[in-house]
Amino acid sequence: MDRIMAVDGAPLAPESLRMLDYLRTRASEMSAMAIRSRIHSAAGELEDAIAAVTASEARLRPFAGKWTIAEVVDHISQTQVRGAEELRHLLAGRRPPLPPVYEALRSGAGQWASWELLVEELHQANRAMIEVLEAASDHPSDGNAPTVRTVMVALRKLENTSTEPQIFFVELTWKEYALLQRLHLLDHRRQVKELHAAAAAG
């Protein structure tokens, strides 16, 4: 394992190391078609969860200091669009030139855009990601395939049994990066479900 440190200088926690190992192992095992299928399924599951949310529920903030569902949807759209752009560069054999996609990327639309617009933009962002992956193939690499500098976040357990995020930078190949997008979609699907349940109960 590469000598990667968290942004605060701490060594990577076991949870962070497991995430990295998962991405690297699965990327070496899975075909481009299999990865595309997994991302398509994850995007569909997230969109199904969002379809159950009403416009009024999307604006509620059931947990103080946490995002609303509308803000989560805006975040996913913004990161999916940037992620698709970075994958486009990687699949063309180029290192993405832009700064990395930071973990809390959002626009202001989560506060003012209509719920219908936010949902439609998410659909479009998911389609953009899948369309980029349609061009992916399993041609063998010459060993000089480009990577992308990526911000990763893993929840690590503390001694008092609570958790906190550990943030670190890592270089990922296109398959590893694509699988990370799948994990991102699934994580926010869980978050949307939790927020929706809390909003409905409240």
N, C-alpha and C. Protein backbone atom coordinates (compact mmCIF):
# COMPACT_ATOMS: atom_id res chain seq x y z
N MET A 1 0.84 -1.19 0.00
CA MET A 1 0.00 0.00 0.00
C MET A 1 0.88 1.25 0.00
N ASP A 2 0.53 2.22 -0.82
CA ASP A 2 1.30 3.44 -0.88
C ASP A 2 1.29 4.14 0.47
N ARG A 3 2.32 4.97 0.70
CA ARG A 3 2.40 5.71 1.95
C ARG A 3 1.53 6.97 1.80
N ILE A 4 0.25 6.81 2.07
CA ILE A 4 -0.71 7.90 1.96
C ILE A 4 -1.09 8.32 3.36
N MET A 5 -1.13 9.62 3.58
CA MET A 5 -1.51 10.17 4.88
C MET A 5 -2.80 10.96 4.73
N ALA A 6 -3.52 11.09 5.83
CA ALA A 6 -4.71 11.93 5.84
C ALA A 6 -4.28 13.39 5.75
N VAL A 7 -5.24 14.27 5.44
CA VAL A 7 -4.90 15.68 5.27
C VAL A 7 -4.40 16.31 6.57
N ASP A 8 -4.73 15.71 7.72
CA ASP A 8 -4.24 16.24 8.99
C ASP A 8 -2.91 15.62 9.40
N GLY A 9 -2.32 14.82 8.52
CA GLY A 9 -1.03 14.21 8.81
C GLY A 9 -1.10 12.87 9.51
N ALA A 10 -2.31 12.42 9.86
CA ALA A 10 -2.46 11.14 10.55
C ALA A 10 -2.33 9.98 9.56
N PRO A 11 -1.87 8.82 10.05
CA PRO A 11 -1.87 7.65 9.17
C PRO A 11 -3.29 7.23 8.83
N LEU A 12 -3.45 6.54 7.72
CA LEU A 12 -4.79 6.13 7.33
C LEU A 12 -5.35 5.11 8.32
N ALA A 13 -6.62 5.31 8.66
CA ALA A 13 -7.32 4.40 9.56
C ALA A 13 -7.63 3.09 8.84
N PRO A 14 -7.91 2.04 9.58
CA PRO A 14 -8.27 0.76 8.93
C PRO A 14 -9.42 0.91 7.94
N GLU A 15 -10.40 1.76 8.26
CA GLU A 15 -11.54 1.95 7.36
C GLU A 15 -11.10 2.56 6.03
N SER A 16 -10.17 3.50 6.10
CA SER A 16 -9.66 4.13 4.88
C SER A 16 -8.86 3.13 4.06
N LEU A 17 -8.03 2.33 4.72
CA LEU A 17 -7.24 1.32 4.02
C LEU A 17 -8.13 0.27 3.36
N ARG A 18 -9.22 -0.10 4.04
CA ARG A 18 -10.14 -1.08 3.46
C ARG A 18 -10.83 -0.51 2.22
N MET A 19 -11.19 0.76 2.26
CA MET A 19 -11.82 1.37 1.09
C MET A 19 -10.86 1.38 -0.09
N LEU A 20 -9.62 1.76 0.14
CA LEU A 20 -8.63 1.76 -0.92
C LEU A 20 -8.41 0.36 -1.48
N ASP A 21 -8.30 -0.61 -0.59
CA ASP A 21 -8.08 -1.99 -1.02
C ASP A 21 -9.26 -2.49 -1.84
N TYR A 22 -10.48 -2.13 -1.43
CA TYR A 22 -11.67 -2.53 -2.18
C TYR A 22 -11.63 -1.96 -3.59
N LEU A 23 -11.34 -0.68 -3.72
CA LEU A 23 -11.31 -0.06 -5.04
C LEU A 23 -10.26 -0.70 -5.94
N ARG A 24 -9.08 -0.93 -5.40
CA ARG A 24 -7.99 -1.46 -6.21
C ARG A 24 -8.25 -2.92 -6.58
N THR A 25 -8.76 -3.69 -5.63
CA THR A 25 -9.02 -5.10 -5.91
C THR A 25 -10.16 -5.26 -6.92
N ARG A 26 -11.27 -4.58 -6.69
CA ARG A 26 -12.42 -4.71 -7.57
C ARG A 26 -12.13 -4.15 -8.95
N ALA A 27 -11.36 -3.07 -9.03
CA ALA A 27 -11.02 -2.50 -10.33
C ALA A 27 -10.22 -3.49 -11.16
N SER A 28 -9.36 -4.26 -10.52
CA SER A 28 -8.54 -5.23 -11.25
C SER A 28 -9.36 -6.44 -11.68
N GLU A 29 -10.48 -6.69 -11.02
CA GLU A 29 -11.30 -7.88 -11.29
C GLU A 29 -12.43 -7.62 -12.29
N MET A 30 -12.94 -6.39 -12.34
CA MET A 30 -14.18 -6.11 -13.06
C MET A 30 -13.91 -5.56 -14.46
N SER A 31 -14.76 -5.93 -15.40
CA SER A 31 -14.68 -5.41 -16.76
C SER A 31 -15.32 -4.02 -16.82
N ALA A 32 -15.06 -3.32 -17.90
CA ALA A 32 -15.68 -2.00 -18.09
C ALA A 32 -17.20 -2.13 -18.13
N MET A 33 -17.71 -3.17 -18.77
CA MET A 33 -19.15 -3.37 -18.85
C MET A 33 -19.76 -3.61 -17.47
N ALA A 34 -19.07 -4.39 -16.64
CA ALA A 34 -19.56 -4.67 -15.29
C ALA A 34 -19.59 -3.41 -14.44
N ILE A 35 -18.56 -2.60 -14.56
CA ILE A 35 -18.52 -1.35 -13.79
C ILE A 35 -19.64 -0.42 -14.24
N ARG A 36 -19.83 -0.30 -15.55
CA ARG A 36 -20.91 0.55 -16.06
C ARG A 36 -22.27 0.07 -15.55
N SER A 37 -22.47 -1.24 -15.54
CA SER A 37 -23.74 -1.80 -15.07
C SER A 37 -23.96 -1.50 -13.59
N ARG A 38 -22.90 -1.59 -12.78
CA ARG A 38 -23.02 -1.31 -11.34
C ARG A 38 -23.37 0.16 -11.10
N ILE A 39 -22.75 1.05 -11.87
CA ILE A 39 -23.04 2.47 -11.69
C ILE A 39 -24.46 2.79 -12.14
N HIS A 40 -24.88 2.18 -13.24
CA HIS A 40 -26.25 2.37 -13.72
C HIS A 40 -27.25 1.94 -12.66
N SER A 41 -27.00 0.79 -12.04
CA SER A 41 -27.91 0.29 -10.99
C SER A 41 -27.93 1.21 -9.78
N ALA A 42 -26.73 1.67 -9.36
CA ALA A 42 -26.65 2.55 -8.19
C ALA A 42 -27.37 3.86 -8.45
N ALA A 43 -27.22 4.41 -9.66
CA ALA A 43 -27.91 5.65 -10.01
C ALA A 43 -29.42 5.45 -9.99
N GLY A 44 -29.87 4.30 -10.51
CA GLY A 44 -31.30 4.01 -10.49
C GLY A 44 -31.85 3.87 -9.09
N GLU A 45 -31.10 3.22 -8.21
CA GLU A 45 -31.54 3.06 -6.81
C GLU A 45 -31.65 4.42 -6.12
N LEU A 46 -30.69 5.29 -6.38
CA LEU A 46 -30.74 6.63 -5.79
C LEU A 46 -31.94 7.40 -6.33
N GLU A 47 -32.17 7.34 -7.63
CA GLU A 47 -33.29 8.07 -8.22
C GLU A 47 -34.62 7.54 -7.71
N ASP A 48 -34.71 6.23 -7.46
CA ASP A 48 -35.93 5.66 -6.89
C ASP A 48 -36.18 6.21 -5.49
N ALA A 49 -35.12 6.32 -4.69
CA ALA A 49 -35.27 6.87 -3.34
C ALA A 49 -35.72 8.33 -3.39
N ILE A 50 -35.19 9.08 -4.33
CA ILE A 50 -35.53 10.50 -4.45
C ILE A 50 -36.95 10.68 -4.97
N ALA A 51 -37.41 9.74 -5.80
CA ALA A 51 -38.76 9.83 -6.37
C ALA A 51 -39.83 9.77 -5.28
N ALA A 52 -39.50 9.19 -4.14
CA ALA A 52 -40.47 9.09 -3.04
C ALA A 52 -40.55 10.35 -2.20
N VAL A 53 -39.70 11.33 -2.47
CA VAL A 53 -39.62 12.55 -1.66
C VAL A 53 -40.48 13.64 -2.29
N THR A 54 -41.27 14.32 -1.47
CA THR A 54 -42.07 15.45 -1.96
C THR A 54 -41.25 16.73 -1.89
N ALA A 55 -41.73 17.75 -2.59
CA ALA A 55 -41.02 19.02 -2.61
C ALA A 55 -40.90 19.61 -1.21
N SER A 56 -41.94 19.48 -0.42
CA SER A 56 -41.88 20.05 0.94
C SER A 56 -40.92 19.26 1.82
N GLU A 57 -40.90 17.94 1.69
CA GLU A 57 -39.97 17.12 2.47
C GLU A 57 -38.52 17.41 2.08
N ALA A 58 -38.30 17.72 0.82
CA ALA A 58 -36.94 17.96 0.35
C ALA A 58 -36.30 19.17 1.01
N ARG A 59 -37.12 20.11 1.49
CA ARG A 59 -36.61 21.34 2.08
C ARG A 59 -36.48 21.27 3.59
N LEU A 60 -36.98 20.21 4.21
CA LEU A 60 -36.90 20.09 5.65
C LEU A 60 -35.47 19.77 6.08
N ARG A 61 -35.13 20.22 7.29
CA ARG A 61 -33.80 19.94 7.85
C ARG A 61 -34.00 19.20 9.17
N PRO A 62 -34.23 17.87 9.10
CA PRO A 62 -34.53 17.12 10.32
C PRO A 62 -33.37 17.03 11.30
N PHE A 63 -32.14 17.19 10.82
CA PHE A 63 -30.97 17.12 11.69
C PHE A 63 -30.24 18.46 11.62
N ALA A 64 -30.18 19.14 12.74
CA ALA A 64 -29.55 20.47 12.78
C ALA A 64 -28.11 20.39 12.29
N GLY A 65 -27.74 21.34 11.43
CA GLY A 65 -26.39 21.38 10.92
C GLY A 65 -26.10 20.42 9.78
N LYS A 66 -27.08 19.62 9.39
CA LYS A 66 -26.90 18.66 8.29
C LYS A 66 -27.64 19.17 7.05
N TRP A 67 -27.31 18.59 5.91
CA TRP A 67 -27.94 18.99 4.66
C TRP A 67 -29.40 18.57 4.60
N THR A 68 -30.18 19.32 3.83
CA THR A 68 -31.52 18.88 3.46
C THR A 68 -31.39 17.90 2.28
N ILE A 69 -32.50 17.24 1.94
CA ILE A 69 -32.46 16.35 0.78
C ILE A 69 -32.19 17.15 -0.48
N ALA A 70 -32.75 18.35 -0.58
CA ALA A 70 -32.51 19.19 -1.75
C ALA A 70 -31.02 19.50 -1.89
N GLU A 71 -30.36 19.77 -0.79
CA GLU A 71 -28.92 20.06 -0.83
C GLU A 71 -28.12 18.82 -1.19
N VAL A 72 -28.55 17.65 -0.72
CA VAL A 72 -27.88 16.40 -1.08
C VAL A 72 -27.99 16.16 -2.59
N VAL A 73 -29.19 16.37 -3.14
CA VAL A 73 -29.40 16.15 -4.57
C VAL A 73 -28.55 17.11 -5.39
N ASP A 74 -28.48 18.36 -4.97
CA ASP A 74 -27.62 19.32 -5.66
C ASP A 74 -26.16 18.87 -5.62
N HIS A 75 -25.73 18.41 -4.46
CA HIS A 75 -24.34 17.93 -4.31
C HIS A 75 -24.05 16.77 -5.26
N ILE A 76 -24.96 15.82 -5.34
CA ILE A 76 -24.73 14.66 -6.21
C ILE A 76 -24.65 15.11 -7.66
N SER A 77 -25.55 15.99 -8.07
CA SER A 77 -25.52 16.47 -9.46
C SER A 77 -24.19 17.14 -9.78
N GLN A 78 -23.74 18.01 -8.89
CA GLN A 78 -22.48 18.73 -9.14
C GLN A 78 -21.31 17.77 -9.22
N THR A 79 -21.25 16.79 -8.33
CA THR A 79 -20.11 15.87 -8.33
C THR A 79 -20.20 14.89 -9.49
N GLN A 80 -21.42 14.48 -9.89
CA GLN A 80 -21.54 13.58 -11.02
C GLN A 80 -21.06 14.25 -12.32
N VAL A 81 -21.42 15.51 -12.50
CA VAL A 81 -20.99 16.23 -13.70
C VAL A 81 -19.47 16.35 -13.73
N ARG A 82 -18.87 16.74 -12.60
CA ARG A 82 -17.41 16.84 -12.54
C ARG A 82 -16.75 15.48 -12.69
N GLY A 83 -17.36 14.46 -12.06
CA GLY A 83 -16.80 13.13 -12.16
C GLY A 83 -16.82 12.62 -13.60
N ALA A 84 -17.92 12.88 -14.31
CA ALA A 84 -18.02 12.47 -15.71
C ALA A 84 -16.95 13.18 -16.54
N GLU A 85 -16.72 14.45 -16.24
CA GLU A 85 -15.69 15.21 -16.96
C GLU A 85 -14.31 14.62 -16.72
N GLU A 86 -14.02 14.25 -15.49
CA GLU A 86 -12.71 13.68 -15.19
C GLU A 86 -12.55 12.30 -15.84
N LEU A 87 -13.62 11.51 -15.84
CA LEU A 87 -13.56 10.21 -16.49
C LEU A 87 -13.34 10.36 -18.00
N ARG A 88 -13.94 11.38 -18.59
CA ARG A 88 -13.76 11.61 -20.02
C ARG A 88 -12.28 11.83 -20.35
N HIS A 89 -11.61 12.61 -19.52
CA HIS A 89 -10.17 12.82 -19.72
C HIS A 89 -9.40 11.51 -19.55
N LEU A 90 -9.69 10.78 -18.48
CA LEU A 90 -8.95 9.54 -18.22
C LEU A 90 -9.12 8.53 -19.35
N LEU A 91 -10.34 8.39 -19.86
CA LEU A 91 -10.61 7.43 -20.91
C LEU A 91 -9.97 7.85 -22.23
N ALA A 92 -9.69 9.14 -22.37
CA ALA A 92 -9.00 9.63 -23.57
C ALA A 92 -7.49 9.60 -23.40
N GLY A 93 -7.02 9.07 -22.26
CA GLY A 93 -5.59 8.96 -22.04
C GLY A 93 -4.93 10.21 -21.49
N ARG A 94 -5.75 11.10 -20.92
CA ARG A 94 -5.23 12.36 -20.38
C ARG A 94 -5.48 12.44 -18.88
N ARG A 95 -4.57 13.09 -18.18
CA ARG A 95 -4.79 13.40 -16.76
C ARG A 95 -5.71 14.61 -16.67
N PRO A 96 -6.78 14.53 -15.89
CA PRO A 96 -7.69 15.68 -15.77
C PRO A 96 -6.94 16.92 -15.29
N PRO A 97 -7.17 18.07 -15.94
CA PRO A 97 -6.40 19.27 -15.63
C PRO A 97 -6.95 20.09 -14.48
N LEU A 98 -8.16 19.81 -14.05
CA LEU A 98 -8.82 20.67 -13.09
C LEU A 98 -8.49 20.27 -11.64
N PRO A 99 -8.78 21.14 -10.68
CA PRO A 99 -8.62 20.74 -9.27
C PRO A 99 -9.50 19.53 -8.97
N PRO A 100 -9.20 18.78 -7.93
CA PRO A 100 -10.01 17.59 -7.61
C PRO A 100 -11.43 17.97 -7.23
N VAL A 101 -12.31 16.99 -7.30
CA VAL A 101 -13.71 17.20 -6.90
C VAL A 101 -13.75 17.10 -5.38
N TYR A 102 -13.95 18.22 -4.72
CA TYR A 102 -13.92 18.22 -3.26
C TYR A 102 -15.19 17.61 -2.67
N GLU A 103 -15.07 17.13 -1.43
CA GLU A 103 -16.08 16.24 -0.86
C GLU A 103 -17.42 16.92 -0.59
N ALA A 104 -17.47 18.22 -0.43
CA ALA A 104 -18.73 18.89 -0.10
C ALA A 104 -19.18 19.82 -1.22
N LEU A 105 -18.81 19.49 -2.45
CA LEU A 105 -19.13 20.35 -3.59
C LEU A 105 -20.64 20.55 -3.74
N ARG A 106 -21.07 21.81 -3.79
CA ARG A 106 -22.48 22.16 -4.02
C ARG A 106 -22.53 23.47 -4.77
N SER A 107 -23.68 23.74 -5.39
CA SER A 107 -23.96 25.07 -5.91
C SER A 107 -24.94 25.72 -4.93
N GLY A 108 -25.42 26.90 -5.26
CA GLY A 108 -26.44 27.51 -4.40
C GLY A 108 -27.84 27.04 -4.70
N ALA A 109 -27.98 26.19 -5.73
CA ALA A 109 -29.32 25.81 -6.19
C ALA A 109 -30.10 25.02 -5.15
N GLY A 110 -29.42 24.36 -4.24
CA GLY A 110 -30.12 23.60 -3.22
C GLY A 110 -31.00 24.46 -2.34
N GLN A 111 -30.71 25.77 -2.29
CA GLN A 111 -31.51 26.67 -1.46
C GLN A 111 -32.68 27.31 -2.21
N TRP A 112 -32.57 27.46 -3.54
CA TRP A 112 -33.60 28.24 -4.23
C TRP A 112 -34.25 27.54 -5.42
N ALA A 113 -33.59 26.58 -6.04
CA ALA A 113 -34.16 25.95 -7.23
C ALA A 113 -35.35 25.07 -6.86
N SER A 114 -36.28 24.95 -7.80
CA SER A 114 -37.44 24.09 -7.54
C SER A 114 -37.00 22.65 -7.39
N TRP A 115 -37.77 21.88 -6.64
CA TRP A 115 -37.46 20.47 -6.45
C TRP A 115 -37.47 19.74 -7.79
N GLU A 116 -38.41 20.08 -8.65
CA GLU A 116 -38.49 19.43 -9.96
C GLU A 116 -37.21 19.68 -10.76
N LEU A 117 -36.69 20.90 -10.71
CA LEU A 117 -35.46 21.21 -11.43
C LEU A 117 -34.28 20.45 -10.86
N LEU A 118 -34.17 20.38 -9.54
CA LEU A 118 -33.06 19.67 -8.92
C LEU A 118 -33.08 18.19 -9.29
N VAL A 119 -34.27 17.59 -9.29
CA VAL A 119 -34.39 16.17 -9.64
C VAL A 119 -34.02 15.95 -11.11
N GLU A 120 -34.49 16.82 -12.00
CA GLU A 120 -34.18 16.68 -13.42
C GLU A 120 -32.67 16.84 -13.66
N GLU A 121 -32.05 17.77 -12.96
CA GLU A 121 -30.61 17.95 -13.13
C GLU A 121 -29.84 16.72 -12.64
N LEU A 122 -30.35 16.07 -11.60
CA LEU A 122 -29.72 14.83 -11.14
C LEU A 122 -29.83 13.75 -12.22
N HIS A 123 -31.02 13.61 -12.82
CA HIS A 123 -31.18 12.64 -13.90
C HIS A 123 -30.18 12.91 -15.02
N GLN A 124 -30.06 14.16 -15.41
CA GLN A 124 -29.15 14.52 -16.49
C GLN A 124 -27.69 14.23 -16.13
N ALA A 125 -27.33 14.53 -14.88
CA ALA A 125 -25.95 14.27 -14.43
C ALA A 125 -25.65 12.78 -14.42
N ASN A 126 -26.61 11.97 -13.97
CA ASN A 126 -26.41 10.52 -13.98
C ASN A 126 -26.28 9.99 -15.40
N ARG A 127 -27.10 10.50 -16.30
CA ARG A 127 -27.01 10.07 -17.70
C ARG A 127 -25.66 10.45 -18.29
N ALA A 128 -25.16 11.63 -17.94
CA ALA A 128 -23.86 12.06 -18.46
C ALA A 128 -22.76 11.11 -18.01
N MET A 129 -22.81 10.68 -16.76
CA MET A 129 -21.82 9.73 -16.25
C MET A 129 -21.88 8.42 -17.02
N ILE A 130 -23.08 7.90 -17.21
CA ILE A 130 -23.24 6.61 -17.88
C ILE A 130 -22.83 6.71 -19.35
N GLU A 131 -23.15 7.83 -20.00
CA GLU A 131 -22.78 8.01 -21.40
C GLU A 131 -21.25 8.03 -21.57
N VAL A 132 -20.55 8.66 -20.64
CA VAL A 132 -19.10 8.66 -20.71
C VAL A 132 -18.57 7.23 -20.60
N LEU A 133 -19.16 6.44 -19.71
CA LEU A 133 -18.69 5.08 -19.50
C LEU A 133 -19.01 4.17 -20.68
N GLU A 134 -19.93 4.58 -21.56
CA GLU A 134 -20.20 3.80 -22.76
C GLU A 134 -18.96 3.69 -23.63
N ALA A 135 -18.06 4.66 -23.52
CA ALA A 135 -16.84 4.66 -24.33
C ALA A 135 -15.72 3.86 -23.69
N ALA A 136 -15.93 3.36 -22.50
CA ALA A 136 -14.87 2.65 -21.79
C ALA A 136 -14.66 1.26 -22.37
N SER A 137 -13.44 0.81 -22.38
CA SER A 137 -13.12 -0.53 -22.89
C SER A 137 -12.10 -1.18 -21.98
N ASP A 138 -11.83 -2.44 -22.24
CA ASP A 138 -10.88 -3.20 -21.44
C ASP A 138 -9.57 -3.42 -22.17
N HIS A 139 -9.22 -2.53 -23.09
CA HIS A 139 -7.95 -2.67 -23.78
C HIS A 139 -6.82 -2.62 -22.76
N PRO A 140 -5.84 -3.49 -22.88
CA PRO A 140 -4.74 -3.51 -21.90
C PRO A 140 -3.98 -2.20 -21.88
N SER A 141 -3.56 -1.80 -20.71
CA SER A 141 -2.81 -0.55 -20.55
C SER A 141 -1.33 -0.79 -20.83
N ASP A 142 -0.66 0.26 -21.29
CA ASP A 142 0.78 0.16 -21.52
C ASP A 142 1.58 0.44 -20.25
N GLY A 143 0.87 0.56 -19.14
CA GLY A 143 1.53 0.84 -17.86
C GLY A 143 1.67 2.31 -17.56
N ASN A 144 1.27 3.15 -18.50
CA ASN A 144 1.36 4.60 -18.30
C ASN A 144 -0.01 5.26 -18.34
N ALA A 145 -1.03 4.52 -17.98
CA ALA A 145 -2.38 5.07 -17.98
C ALA A 145 -2.46 6.24 -16.98
N PRO A 146 -3.16 7.31 -17.34
CA PRO A 146 -3.25 8.46 -16.44
C PRO A 146 -4.07 8.14 -15.20
N THR A 147 -3.82 8.90 -14.15
CA THR A 147 -4.61 8.81 -12.92
C THR A 147 -5.17 10.18 -12.61
N VAL A 148 -6.10 10.21 -11.67
CA VAL A 148 -6.71 11.47 -11.25
C VAL A 148 -6.51 11.63 -9.75
N ARG A 149 -6.12 12.83 -9.34
CA ARG A 149 -5.97 13.13 -7.91
C ARG A 149 -7.35 13.29 -7.31
N THR A 150 -7.65 12.48 -6.32
CA THR A 150 -9.01 12.34 -5.83
C THR A 150 -9.06 12.55 -4.32
N VAL A 151 -10.09 13.27 -3.88
CA VAL A 151 -10.36 13.41 -2.45
C VAL A 151 -11.23 12.24 -2.02
N MET A 152 -10.76 11.49 -1.04
CA MET A 152 -11.56 10.38 -0.51
C MET A 152 -11.90 10.64 0.95
N VAL A 153 -13.07 10.15 1.33
CA VAL A 153 -13.55 10.31 2.71
C VAL A 153 -14.02 8.96 3.21
N ALA A 154 -13.49 8.54 4.35
CA ALA A 154 -13.92 7.30 4.99
C ALA A 154 -14.29 7.60 6.43
N LEU A 155 -15.36 6.97 6.91
CA LEU A 155 -15.75 7.14 8.31
C LEU A 155 -14.94 6.17 9.17
N ARG A 156 -14.20 6.73 10.11
CA ARG A 156 -13.41 5.87 11.00
C ARG A 156 -14.02 5.88 12.39
N LYS A 157 -13.91 4.74 13.07
CA LYS A 157 -14.45 4.61 14.43
C LYS A 157 -13.46 5.18 15.43
N LEU A 158 -14.00 5.91 16.41
CA LEU A 158 -13.18 6.44 17.49
C LEU A 158 -13.30 5.54 18.71
N GLU A 159 -12.47 5.81 19.70
CA GLU A 159 -12.46 4.95 20.90
C GLU A 159 -13.78 5.01 21.65
N ASN A 160 -14.51 6.12 21.55
CA ASN A 160 -15.79 6.23 22.26
C ASN A 160 -16.96 5.69 21.44
N THR A 161 -16.65 4.94 20.38
CA THR A 161 -17.60 4.28 19.47
C THR A 161 -18.30 5.24 18.50
N SER A 162 -18.01 6.53 18.58
CA SER A 162 -18.55 7.44 17.59
C SER A 162 -17.67 7.37 16.33
N THR A 163 -18.05 8.07 15.31
CA THR A 163 -17.29 8.06 14.07
C THR A 163 -16.97 9.49 13.64
N GLU A 164 -15.95 9.62 12.82
CA GLU A 164 -15.62 10.90 12.22
C GLU A 164 -15.01 10.66 10.85
N PRO A 165 -15.18 11.60 9.93
CA PRO A 165 -14.62 11.39 8.60
C PRO A 165 -13.11 11.56 8.58
N GLN A 166 -12.45 10.72 7.83
CA GLN A 166 -11.02 10.89 7.56
C GLN A 166 -10.88 11.23 6.08
N ILE A 167 -10.21 12.33 5.79
CA ILE A 167 -10.09 12.84 4.42
C ILE A 167 -8.64 12.67 3.97
N PHE A 168 -8.47 12.16 2.76
CA PHE A 168 -7.12 11.98 2.24
C PHE A 168 -7.16 12.05 0.71
N PHE A 169 -6.00 12.37 0.12
CA PHE A 169 -5.85 12.41 -1.33
C PHE A 169 -5.24 11.10 -1.81
N VAL A 170 -5.68 10.66 -2.98
CA VAL A 170 -5.13 9.45 -3.57
C VAL A 170 -5.22 9.56 -5.09
N GLU A 171 -4.30 8.89 -5.78
CA GLU A 171 -4.33 8.83 -7.24
C GLU A 171 -5.08 7.56 -7.65
N LEU A 172 -6.09 7.72 -8.51
CA LEU A 172 -6.91 6.58 -8.94
C LEU A 172 -6.89 6.43 -10.46
N THR A 173 -6.91 5.18 -10.91
CA THR A 173 -7.11 4.89 -12.33
C THR A 173 -8.58 5.09 -12.67
N TRP A 174 -8.93 4.99 -13.97
CA TRP A 174 -10.32 5.27 -14.33
C TRP A 174 -11.27 4.25 -13.72
N LYS A 175 -10.88 2.99 -13.64
CA LYS A 175 -11.78 1.99 -13.06
C LYS A 175 -11.96 2.22 -11.56
N GLU A 176 -10.87 2.52 -10.88
CA GLU A 176 -10.98 2.81 -9.44
C GLU A 176 -11.83 4.05 -9.21
N TYR A 177 -11.63 5.05 -10.03
CA TYR A 177 -12.40 6.29 -9.90
C TYR A 177 -13.87 6.05 -10.18
N ALA A 178 -14.18 5.26 -11.20
CA ALA A 178 -15.57 4.96 -11.51
C ALA A 178 -16.24 4.19 -10.37
N LEU A 179 -15.53 3.24 -9.80
CA LEU A 179 -16.11 2.49 -8.67
C LEU A 179 -16.32 3.38 -7.46
N LEU A 180 -15.47 4.38 -7.29
CA LEU A 180 -15.68 5.33 -6.20
C LEU A 180 -16.97 6.12 -6.43
N GLN A 181 -17.29 6.44 -7.68
CA GLN A 181 -18.54 7.14 -7.96
C GLN A 181 -19.74 6.27 -7.58
N ARG A 182 -19.61 4.96 -7.79
CA ARG A 182 -20.69 4.06 -7.38
C ARG A 182 -20.88 4.10 -5.86
N LEU A 183 -19.78 4.03 -5.12
CA LEU A 183 -19.88 4.10 -3.66
C LEU A 183 -20.51 5.42 -3.23
N HIS A 184 -20.17 6.49 -3.93
CA HIS A 184 -20.72 7.81 -3.61
C HIS A 184 -22.24 7.81 -3.79
N LEU A 185 -22.72 7.25 -4.89
CA LEU A 185 -24.16 7.17 -5.14
C LEU A 185 -24.86 6.35 -4.07
N LEU A 186 -24.29 5.21 -3.71
CA LEU A 186 -24.92 4.35 -2.71
C LEU A 186 -24.92 5.00 -1.33
N ASP A 187 -23.86 5.71 -0.99
CA ASP A 187 -23.79 6.37 0.30
C ASP A 187 -24.87 7.45 0.41
N HIS A 188 -25.07 8.20 -0.67
CA HIS A 188 -26.09 9.24 -0.62
C HIS A 188 -27.50 8.68 -0.77
N ARG A 189 -27.64 7.53 -1.37
CA ARG A 189 -28.95 6.86 -1.35
C ARG A 189 -29.35 6.56 0.09
N ARG A 190 -28.40 6.02 0.85
CA ARG A 190 -28.67 5.76 2.28
C ARG A 190 -29.01 7.04 3.01
N GLN A 191 -28.25 8.11 2.73
CA GLN A 191 -28.49 9.39 3.40
C GLN A 191 -29.87 9.94 3.07
N VAL A 192 -30.26 9.87 1.80
CA VAL A 192 -31.59 10.36 1.40
C VAL A 192 -32.68 9.57 2.11
N LYS A 193 -32.54 8.27 2.20
CA LYS A 193 -33.53 7.46 2.89
C LYS A 193 -33.64 7.84 4.37
N GLU A 194 -32.50 8.06 5.01
CA GLU A 194 -32.52 8.43 6.42
C GLU A 194 -33.16 9.79 6.61
N LEU A 195 -32.83 10.75 5.76
CA LEU A 195 -33.43 12.07 5.87
C LEU A 195 -34.91 12.04 5.59
N HIS A 196 -35.31 11.24 4.60
CA HIS A 196 -36.73 11.14 4.27
C HIS A 196 -37.52 10.52 5.42
N ALA A 197 -36.98 9.47 6.02
CA ALA A 197 -37.66 8.83 7.16
C ALA A 197 -37.79 9.81 8.33
N ALA A 198 -36.72 10.57 8.60
CA ALA A 198 -36.76 11.55 9.69
C ALA A 198 -37.76 12.66 9.39
N ALA A 199 -37.79 13.11 8.14
CA ALA A 199 -38.71 14.18 7.76
C ALA A 199 -40.15 13.70 7.89
N ALA A 200 -40.42 12.47 7.47
CA ALA A 200 -41.78 11.93 7.55
C ALA A 200 -42.21 11.73 9.00
N ALA A 201 -41.26 11.33 9.84
CA ALA A 201 -41.58 11.11 11.26
C ALA A 201 -41.78 12.42 12.00
N GLY A 202 -41.10 13.47 11.53
CA GLY A 202 -41.15 14.75 12.23
C GLY A 202 -42.34 15.59 11.89
